[in-house]
Amino acid sequence: MNTKERIIRSKLARLDPSNNAALIARLNAELAQRPKAEPPGEQPPVKSNVAPEPKHSSPLTEADVENFRSLNTDVLIRSAAFGDIWLVPERTGAGRFELLPAEVLALEQAHEMFDARIVEVTKNVPA
């Protein structure tokens, strides 16, 4: 029994048949139309091997780049495909793969311009 059906049955139980015959008839008719069984619960989503497209609310701007730099914060991005990537306001010289916000902006612009995706990330190490 679903919630609406419970409410109708509760209302019917409180009504006086001699004073509310029309309302009782209408509520009984509504109960007769309602399905007796509870509708099945929400089905779990089907898993897919295709990665979802990233959703961007808006493209990055130079102002976003400057705003990130002003935070003076390092952000670790852990990627299954590319490993650990650090988003940093300035190069630190640490032995880790670091990206500057301007480089992220350039990657996003390349993605838009060429309708492409990143397939490989390599670290250039001076000889």
N, C-alpha and C. Protein backbone atom coordinates (compact mmCIF):
# COMPACT_ATOMS: atom_id res chain seq x y z
N MET A 1 0.85 -1.17 0.00
CA MET A 1 0.00 0.00 0.00
C MET A 1 0.90 1.24 0.00
N ASN A 2 0.65 2.15 -0.95
CA ASN A 2 1.48 3.34 -1.01
C ASN A 2 0.96 4.43 -0.07
N THR A 3 1.69 5.51 0.04
CA THR A 3 1.36 6.56 1.00
C THR A 3 0.01 7.20 0.70
N LYS A 4 -0.27 7.48 -0.55
CA LYS A 4 -1.54 8.12 -0.90
C LYS A 4 -2.71 7.22 -0.54
N GLU A 5 -2.57 5.93 -0.81
CA GLU A 5 -3.62 4.99 -0.48
C GLU A 5 -3.84 4.94 1.04
N ARG A 6 -2.79 4.98 1.81
CA ARG A 6 -2.91 5.00 3.28
C ARG A 6 -3.66 6.24 3.76
N ILE A 7 -3.35 7.37 3.14
CA ILE A 7 -4.01 8.62 3.53
C ILE A 7 -5.50 8.54 3.22
N ILE A 8 -5.84 8.04 2.04
CA ILE A 8 -7.25 7.93 1.65
C ILE A 8 -7.98 6.98 2.60
N ARG A 9 -7.37 5.84 2.91
CA ARG A 9 -8.01 4.88 3.81
C ARG A 9 -8.18 5.47 5.21
N SER A 10 -7.21 6.23 5.65
CA SER A 10 -7.31 6.87 6.96
C SER A 10 -8.44 7.90 6.97
N LYS A 11 -8.56 8.64 5.90
CA LYS A 11 -9.62 9.64 5.78
C LYS A 11 -10.99 8.96 5.76
N LEU A 12 -11.09 7.83 5.02
CA LEU A 12 -12.34 7.09 4.95
C LEU A 12 -12.77 6.57 6.33
N ALA A 13 -11.79 6.14 7.12
CA ALA A 13 -12.10 5.59 8.44
C ALA A 13 -12.68 6.66 9.37
N ARG A 14 -12.33 7.92 9.14
CA ARG A 14 -12.81 8.99 10.02
C ARG A 14 -14.12 9.61 9.57
N LEU A 15 -14.54 9.36 8.33
CA LEU A 15 -15.75 9.99 7.80
C LEU A 15 -17.02 9.30 8.30
N ASP A 16 -18.05 10.08 8.47
CA ASP A 16 -19.36 9.57 8.87
C ASP A 16 -20.16 9.26 7.60
N PRO A 17 -20.54 8.00 7.38
CA PRO A 17 -21.25 7.63 6.15
C PRO A 17 -22.56 8.39 5.93
N SER A 18 -23.23 8.78 6.98
CA SER A 18 -24.50 9.47 6.79
C SER A 18 -24.32 10.93 6.35
N ASN A 19 -23.22 11.56 6.75
CA ASN A 19 -23.00 12.97 6.41
C ASN A 19 -22.08 13.17 5.20
N ASN A 20 -21.22 12.20 4.89
CA ASN A 20 -20.21 12.37 3.84
C ASN A 20 -20.28 11.28 2.77
N ALA A 21 -21.46 10.90 2.37
CA ALA A 21 -21.63 9.80 1.41
C ALA A 21 -20.97 10.12 0.07
N ALA A 22 -21.10 11.35 -0.40
CA ALA A 22 -20.52 11.73 -1.69
C ALA A 22 -18.99 11.67 -1.65
N LEU A 23 -18.40 12.19 -0.57
CA LEU A 23 -16.95 12.18 -0.42
C LEU A 23 -16.44 10.74 -0.29
N ILE A 24 -17.17 9.92 0.46
CA ILE A 24 -16.77 8.52 0.62
C ILE A 24 -16.80 7.80 -0.73
N ALA A 25 -17.82 8.05 -1.53
CA ALA A 25 -17.93 7.43 -2.85
C ALA A 25 -16.77 7.86 -3.74
N ARG A 26 -16.43 9.16 -3.71
CA ARG A 26 -15.32 9.66 -4.53
C ARG A 26 -14.00 9.04 -4.10
N LEU A 27 -13.75 8.96 -2.79
CA LEU A 27 -12.51 8.38 -2.29
C LEU A 27 -12.43 6.88 -2.60
N ASN A 28 -13.53 6.17 -2.49
CA ASN A 28 -13.55 4.75 -2.84
C ASN A 28 -13.27 4.55 -4.32
N ALA A 29 -13.82 5.44 -5.15
CA ALA A 29 -13.56 5.35 -6.60
C ALA A 29 -12.08 5.60 -6.88
N GLU A 30 -11.48 6.53 -6.16
CA GLU A 30 -10.05 6.80 -6.35
C GLU A 30 -9.20 5.61 -5.90
N LEU A 31 -9.62 4.97 -4.81
CA LEU A 31 -8.90 3.76 -4.37
C LEU A 31 -9.00 2.65 -5.39
N ALA A 32 -10.14 2.53 -6.03
CA ALA A 32 -10.33 1.47 -7.03
C ALA A 32 -9.43 1.70 -8.25
N GLN A 33 -9.13 2.96 -8.55
CA GLN A 33 -8.27 3.28 -9.70
C GLN A 33 -6.80 3.07 -9.38
N ARG A 34 -6.42 3.21 -8.15
CA ARG A 34 -5.01 3.14 -7.75
C ARG A 34 -4.52 1.70 -7.86
N PRO A 35 -3.29 1.49 -8.30
CA PRO A 35 -2.73 0.14 -8.29
C PRO A 35 -2.57 -0.34 -6.85
N LYS A 36 -2.85 -1.59 -6.63
CA LYS A 36 -2.78 -2.16 -5.28
C LYS A 36 -1.34 -2.39 -4.83
N ALA A 37 -0.46 -2.69 -5.78
CA ALA A 37 0.93 -3.01 -5.43
C ALA A 37 1.78 -1.75 -5.44
N GLU A 38 2.74 -1.74 -4.60
CA GLU A 38 3.74 -0.66 -4.56
C GLU A 38 4.53 -0.70 -5.86
N PRO A 39 4.78 0.43 -6.49
CA PRO A 39 5.62 0.40 -7.69
C PRO A 39 7.04 -0.04 -7.31
N PRO A 40 7.72 -0.74 -8.21
CA PRO A 40 9.08 -1.21 -7.86
C PRO A 40 9.99 -0.03 -7.57
N GLY A 41 10.96 -0.28 -6.70
CA GLY A 41 11.92 0.76 -6.33
C GLY A 41 12.76 1.17 -7.53
N GLU A 42 13.49 2.23 -7.35
CA GLU A 42 14.34 2.74 -8.43
C GLU A 42 15.40 1.70 -8.78
N GLN A 43 15.55 1.46 -10.06
CA GLN A 43 16.53 0.49 -10.53
C GLN A 43 17.93 1.10 -10.44
N PRO A 44 18.92 0.31 -10.04
CA PRO A 44 20.29 0.86 -10.00
C PRO A 44 20.76 1.17 -11.41
N PRO A 45 21.59 2.20 -11.56
CA PRO A 45 22.07 2.54 -12.89
C PRO A 45 22.92 1.41 -13.48
N VAL A 46 22.83 1.27 -14.77
CA VAL A 46 23.61 0.26 -15.47
C VAL A 46 25.04 0.76 -15.60
N LYS A 47 26.00 -0.09 -15.22
CA LYS A 47 27.40 0.31 -15.32
C LYS A 47 27.85 0.25 -16.77
N SER A 48 28.68 1.22 -17.11
CA SER A 48 29.19 1.29 -18.47
C SER A 48 30.70 1.40 -18.42
N ASN A 49 31.37 0.83 -19.41
CA ASN A 49 32.82 0.94 -19.48
C ASN A 49 33.27 2.24 -20.12
N VAL A 50 32.34 3.00 -20.65
CA VAL A 50 32.67 4.27 -21.30
C VAL A 50 32.74 5.35 -20.22
N ALA A 51 33.86 6.06 -20.20
CA ALA A 51 34.02 7.13 -19.22
C ALA A 51 33.10 8.30 -19.58
N PRO A 52 32.46 8.91 -18.57
CA PRO A 52 31.59 10.04 -18.88
C PRO A 52 32.41 11.24 -19.32
N GLU A 53 31.80 12.05 -20.15
CA GLU A 53 32.46 13.27 -20.59
C GLU A 53 32.55 14.22 -19.39
N PRO A 54 33.70 14.90 -19.21
CA PRO A 54 33.79 15.84 -18.11
C PRO A 54 32.79 16.97 -18.31
N LYS A 55 32.20 17.42 -17.21
CA LYS A 55 31.21 18.48 -17.28
C LYS A 55 31.85 19.77 -16.75
N HIS A 56 31.95 20.74 -17.59
CA HIS A 56 32.51 22.02 -17.20
C HIS A 56 31.39 23.03 -17.14
N SER A 57 31.30 23.74 -16.04
CA SER A 57 30.26 24.76 -15.94
C SER A 57 30.61 25.94 -16.85
N SER A 58 31.88 26.25 -16.94
CA SER A 58 32.32 27.29 -17.86
C SER A 58 33.81 27.11 -18.11
N PRO A 59 34.31 27.57 -19.25
CA PRO A 59 35.73 27.42 -19.53
C PRO A 59 36.58 28.24 -18.54
N LEU A 60 37.81 27.79 -18.37
CA LEU A 60 38.74 28.55 -17.54
C LEU A 60 39.08 29.86 -18.22
N THR A 61 39.38 30.84 -17.40
CA THR A 61 39.78 32.14 -17.92
C THR A 61 41.11 32.54 -17.29
N GLU A 62 41.70 33.57 -17.83
CA GLU A 62 42.94 34.10 -17.24
C GLU A 62 42.69 34.54 -15.79
N ALA A 63 41.49 35.06 -15.52
CA ALA A 63 41.15 35.48 -14.15
C ALA A 63 41.16 34.28 -13.21
N ASP A 64 40.67 33.12 -13.69
CA ASP A 64 40.70 31.90 -12.87
C ASP A 64 42.14 31.50 -12.57
N VAL A 65 43.02 31.62 -13.56
CA VAL A 65 44.43 31.28 -13.39
C VAL A 65 45.05 32.19 -12.33
N GLU A 66 44.78 33.47 -12.43
CA GLU A 66 45.33 34.42 -11.45
C GLU A 66 44.75 34.18 -10.06
N ASN A 67 43.48 33.84 -10.01
CA ASN A 67 42.83 33.57 -8.72
C ASN A 67 43.49 32.36 -8.06
N PHE A 68 43.77 31.30 -8.83
CA PHE A 68 44.43 30.13 -8.26
C PHE A 68 45.82 30.48 -7.77
N ARG A 69 46.56 31.24 -8.57
CA ARG A 69 47.91 31.64 -8.15
C ARG A 69 47.86 32.40 -6.82
N SER A 70 46.84 33.25 -6.66
CA SER A 70 46.75 34.06 -5.44
C SER A 70 46.47 33.20 -4.20
N LEU A 71 45.90 32.02 -4.39
CA LEU A 71 45.64 31.14 -3.25
C LEU A 71 46.92 30.54 -2.67
N ASN A 72 47.98 30.48 -3.50
CA ASN A 72 49.27 29.94 -3.08
C ASN A 72 49.12 28.55 -2.45
N THR A 73 48.44 27.67 -3.20
CA THR A 73 48.12 26.33 -2.72
C THR A 73 48.53 25.29 -3.74
N ASP A 74 49.06 24.17 -3.27
CA ASP A 74 49.34 23.02 -4.14
C ASP A 74 48.17 22.05 -4.05
N VAL A 75 47.72 21.55 -5.19
CA VAL A 75 46.61 20.60 -5.23
C VAL A 75 47.09 19.31 -5.86
N LEU A 76 46.88 18.21 -5.15
CA LEU A 76 47.24 16.89 -5.67
C LEU A 76 46.05 16.32 -6.42
N ILE A 77 46.27 15.95 -7.68
CA ILE A 77 45.25 15.30 -8.49
C ILE A 77 45.74 13.88 -8.73
N ARG A 78 44.98 12.91 -8.24
CA ARG A 78 45.37 11.51 -8.39
C ARG A 78 44.58 10.94 -9.57
N SER A 79 45.28 10.60 -10.64
CA SER A 79 44.67 10.11 -11.86
C SER A 79 45.06 8.66 -12.09
N ALA A 80 44.05 7.82 -12.36
CA ALA A 80 44.34 6.41 -12.65
C ALA A 80 45.16 6.28 -13.92
N ALA A 81 44.91 7.15 -14.88
CA ALA A 81 45.61 7.05 -16.17
C ALA A 81 46.99 7.68 -16.12
N PHE A 82 47.16 8.78 -15.38
CA PHE A 82 48.41 9.54 -15.44
C PHE A 82 49.17 9.60 -14.12
N GLY A 83 48.66 9.00 -13.07
CA GLY A 83 49.35 9.03 -11.78
C GLY A 83 49.08 10.33 -11.03
N ASP A 84 49.98 10.68 -10.13
CA ASP A 84 49.83 11.89 -9.34
C ASP A 84 50.28 13.11 -10.13
N ILE A 85 49.44 14.11 -10.15
CA ILE A 85 49.74 15.38 -10.82
C ILE A 85 49.50 16.47 -9.79
N TRP A 86 50.46 17.36 -9.66
CA TRP A 86 50.33 18.47 -8.72
C TRP A 86 50.02 19.74 -9.48
N LEU A 87 48.94 20.41 -9.09
CA LEU A 87 48.61 21.72 -9.64
C LEU A 87 49.20 22.74 -8.67
N VAL A 88 50.16 23.52 -9.17
CA VAL A 88 50.91 24.43 -8.30
C VAL A 88 50.89 25.85 -8.87
N PRO A 89 50.93 26.86 -8.01
CA PRO A 89 50.94 28.24 -8.50
C PRO A 89 52.27 28.61 -9.16
N GLU A 90 53.37 28.00 -8.68
CA GLU A 90 54.71 28.20 -9.26
C GLU A 90 55.48 26.90 -9.13
N ARG A 91 56.45 26.69 -10.03
CA ARG A 91 57.26 25.48 -9.96
C ARG A 91 58.01 25.44 -8.63
N THR A 92 58.05 24.26 -8.04
CA THR A 92 58.74 24.11 -6.75
C THR A 92 60.10 23.45 -6.89
N GLY A 93 60.32 22.76 -8.01
CA GLY A 93 61.57 22.03 -8.18
C GLY A 93 61.55 20.68 -7.49
N ALA A 94 60.42 20.33 -6.88
CA ALA A 94 60.29 19.03 -6.21
C ALA A 94 60.26 17.93 -7.26
N GLY A 95 60.60 16.73 -6.85
CA GLY A 95 60.63 15.59 -7.77
C GLY A 95 59.24 15.02 -8.00
N ARG A 96 58.35 15.82 -8.49
CA ARG A 96 56.98 15.38 -8.76
C ARG A 96 56.50 16.03 -10.05
N PHE A 97 55.44 15.49 -10.63
CA PHE A 97 54.89 16.06 -11.86
C PHE A 97 54.01 17.25 -11.50
N GLU A 98 54.42 18.44 -11.93
CA GLU A 98 53.70 19.66 -11.59
C GLU A 98 53.14 20.34 -12.83
N LEU A 99 51.93 20.84 -12.70
CA LEU A 99 51.31 21.64 -13.75
C LEU A 99 50.99 23.02 -13.18
N LEU A 100 51.21 24.02 -14.00
CA LEU A 100 50.82 25.38 -13.63
C LEU A 100 49.39 25.63 -14.10
N PRO A 101 48.67 26.53 -13.45
CA PRO A 101 47.30 26.83 -13.89
C PRO A 101 47.26 27.29 -15.35
N ALA A 102 48.28 28.02 -15.80
CA ALA A 102 48.32 28.47 -17.19
C ALA A 102 48.42 27.28 -18.14
N GLU A 103 49.10 26.21 -17.71
CA GLU A 103 49.20 25.01 -18.54
C GLU A 103 47.85 24.28 -18.61
N VAL A 104 47.12 24.28 -17.51
CA VAL A 104 45.79 23.69 -17.52
C VAL A 104 44.89 24.47 -18.47
N LEU A 105 45.00 25.78 -18.43
CA LEU A 105 44.24 26.63 -19.35
C LEU A 105 44.60 26.31 -20.80
N ALA A 106 45.89 26.15 -21.08
CA ALA A 106 46.33 25.82 -22.44
C ALA A 106 45.80 24.45 -22.87
N LEU A 107 45.80 23.48 -21.95
CA LEU A 107 45.26 22.16 -22.27
C LEU A 107 43.77 22.23 -22.59
N GLU A 108 43.04 23.01 -21.80
CA GLU A 108 41.61 23.16 -22.04
C GLU A 108 41.34 23.85 -23.38
N GLN A 109 42.14 24.87 -23.69
CA GLN A 109 41.97 25.56 -24.96
C GLN A 109 42.29 24.62 -26.13
N ALA A 110 43.32 23.78 -25.97
CA ALA A 110 43.66 22.81 -27.02
C ALA A 110 42.54 21.80 -27.18
N HIS A 111 41.96 21.39 -26.08
CA HIS A 111 40.84 20.46 -26.13
C HIS A 111 39.68 21.06 -26.93
N GLU A 112 39.35 22.30 -26.64
CA GLU A 112 38.25 22.97 -27.34
C GLU A 112 38.60 23.21 -28.82
N MET A 113 39.80 23.67 -29.06
CA MET A 113 40.19 24.04 -30.42
C MET A 113 40.24 22.83 -31.34
N PHE A 114 40.80 21.73 -30.87
CA PHE A 114 41.01 20.56 -31.71
C PHE A 114 39.99 19.45 -31.47
N ASP A 115 39.01 19.70 -30.60
CA ASP A 115 38.03 18.69 -30.24
C ASP A 115 38.76 17.39 -29.91
N ALA A 116 39.68 17.46 -28.96
CA ALA A 116 40.56 16.34 -28.65
C ALA A 116 40.50 16.01 -27.17
N ARG A 117 41.21 14.97 -26.80
CA ARG A 117 41.36 14.61 -25.40
C ARG A 117 42.83 14.32 -25.13
N ILE A 118 43.20 14.34 -23.87
CA ILE A 118 44.58 14.06 -23.49
C ILE A 118 44.79 12.54 -23.56
N VAL A 119 45.78 12.11 -24.30
CA VAL A 119 46.07 10.68 -24.39
C VAL A 119 47.36 10.30 -23.70
N GLU A 120 48.27 11.24 -23.59
CA GLU A 120 49.55 10.91 -22.96
C GLU A 120 50.08 12.14 -22.27
N VAL A 121 50.63 11.93 -21.09
CA VAL A 121 51.29 13.00 -20.35
C VAL A 121 52.70 12.51 -20.05
N THR A 122 53.68 13.30 -20.43
CA THR A 122 55.06 12.92 -20.14
C THR A 122 55.74 14.08 -19.43
N LYS A 123 56.72 13.75 -18.66
CA LYS A 123 57.47 14.76 -17.93
C LYS A 123 58.78 14.98 -18.67
N ASN A 124 59.02 16.20 -19.08
CA ASN A 124 60.29 16.54 -19.73
C ASN A 124 61.34 16.80 -18.65
N VAL A 125 62.39 16.01 -18.70
CA VAL A 125 63.46 16.15 -17.73
C VAL A 125 64.69 16.64 -18.45
N PRO A 126 65.28 17.76 -18.01
CA PRO A 126 66.48 18.24 -18.70
C PRO A 126 67.59 17.19 -18.66
N ALA A 127 68.35 17.11 -19.76
CA ALA A 127 69.43 16.12 -19.86
C ALA A 127 70.63 16.56 -19.06
